[in-house]
Protein backbone atom coordinates (compact mmCIF):
# COMPACT_ATOMS: atom_id res chain seq x y z
CA MET A 1 175.79 127.04 65.25
CA VAL A 2 173.34 129.25 63.18
CA ILE A 3 170.52 127.16 62.61
CA LYS A 4 167.68 128.01 59.61
CA HIS A 5 164.87 129.16 61.08
CA SER A 6 161.89 131.65 60.05
CA LEU A 7 159.24 132.88 61.47
CA HIS A 8 155.50 131.87 60.92
CA LYS A 9 152.24 132.73 62.12
CA GLY A 10 153.00 133.92 65.19
CA GLN A 11 155.88 130.59 65.33
CA VAL A 12 159.53 130.35 65.60
CA VAL A 13 160.44 127.28 62.69
CA PHE A 14 163.65 125.04 62.76
CA ASN A 15 164.92 121.69 61.63
CA VAL A 16 165.59 119.57 64.09
CA GLN A 17 167.99 116.73 63.68
CA VAL A 18 167.12 113.55 66.70
CA VAL A 19 169.82 110.95 67.47
CA PRO A 20 167.26 108.80 69.40
CA ARG A 21 168.64 106.51 72.36
CA ALA A 22 171.48 108.46 73.22
CA SER A 23 173.12 107.72 77.28
CA ARG A 24 171.93 112.22 78.49
CA SER A 25 169.32 113.88 76.41
CA GLU A 26 171.31 117.08 75.44
CA ILE A 27 171.86 119.59 72.95
CA ILE A 28 174.78 119.33 71.12
CA GLY A 29 174.31 121.16 67.86
CA GLU A 30 174.08 122.58 64.01
CA HIS A 31 173.59 119.67 61.41
CA ASN A 32 173.41 120.66 57.85
CA GLY A 33 171.84 123.39 59.09
CA ALA A 34 168.83 122.26 61.85
CA LEU A 35 169.22 122.18 65.30
CA ARG A 36 170.91 118.66 66.27
CA VAL A 37 169.95 117.10 69.54
CA ARG A 38 170.39 113.95 71.60
CA ILE A 39 167.78 112.20 73.12
CA ALA A 40 167.95 109.81 76.13
CA ALA A 41 164.35 107.93 75.26
CA PRO A 42 163.65 105.28 72.19
CA PRO A 43 161.63 106.24 69.37
CA VAL A 44 159.00 104.03 70.64
CA ASP A 45 154.88 105.51 71.83
CA GLY A 46 156.92 109.33 71.28
CA ALA A 47 158.28 108.83 73.89
CA ALA A 48 161.93 110.33 72.24
CA ASN A 49 159.30 113.23 70.62
CA GLU A 50 158.15 114.28 74.01
CA GLU A 51 161.60 114.24 75.65
CA LEU A 52 162.53 116.20 72.31
CA ILE A 53 159.70 119.32 73.84
CA ARG A 54 160.69 119.58 77.52
CA ILE A 55 164.25 119.58 76.39
CA LEU A 56 163.47 122.68 74.16
CA ALA A 57 160.71 123.75 76.25
CA ARG A 58 163.23 124.70 79.19
CA THR A 59 166.67 125.61 76.49
CA PHE A 60 164.39 128.47 75.08
CA LYS A 61 162.56 129.34 78.44
CA VAL A 62 159.53 128.71 76.59
CA PRO A 63 156.33 126.36 78.52
CA GLN A 64 155.57 123.07 77.03
CA GLY A 65 153.35 123.55 75.45
CA ALA A 66 154.53 126.25 73.34
CA ILE A 67 156.42 124.03 71.58
CA GLN A 68 154.58 121.56 68.86
CA ILE A 69 156.16 119.40 66.69
CA MET A 70 155.04 120.11 63.41
CA ARG A 71 156.36 117.01 60.81
CA GLY A 72 158.64 114.26 60.88
CA HIS A 73 156.54 112.40 63.80
CA THR A 74 158.33 109.24 63.66
CA GLY A 75 161.56 110.17 62.20
CA ARG A 76 164.54 111.49 62.98
CA THR A 77 163.98 114.87 61.30
CA LYS A 78 161.44 117.09 62.28
CA ARG A 79 160.05 120.63 61.55
CA VAL A 80 159.24 122.06 65.06
CA GLY A 81 157.31 125.61 65.77
CA ILE A 82 158.04 127.51 69.35
CA THR A 83 154.76 130.28 70.21
CA GLY A 84 156.16 133.49 72.05
CA GLY A 85 158.76 133.72 74.52
CA GLU A 86 160.04 137.39 74.43
CA PRO A 87 160.48 138.76 70.72
CA GLY A 88 163.98 137.84 68.62
CA VAL A 89 165.18 135.86 72.15
CA LEU A 90 164.37 132.19 69.97
CA GLU A 91 166.19 133.88 66.95
CA THR A 92 169.07 135.26 68.51
CA ILE A 93 169.48 131.79 70.53
CA LEU A 94 169.35 129.87 67.23
CA ALA A 95 171.38 132.09 65.23
CA ALA A 96 174.06 132.68 68.06
CA GLU A 97 177.67 131.74 67.62
CA PRO A 98 178.89 128.81 70.35
């Protein structure tokens, strides 16, 4: 799985493709260069965005405050930035083969 990502102002920035109302929340791989994530929460009142932040924080081992949804708050394709973590760790995870 190779996720297209970049470094911008100290953040690792990449696209996330969200599948809301799934049976469980989980990262399922790559889709067109974006990280594909199933979200159990419905896309109502920001619940799906909050769940996405929780999943990404757990996966990348950073605090939830280190994750920012930069674009796509109401859409299925989101642009996400992650600040912090050990240098190179996020890039290694995003570029890792399954």
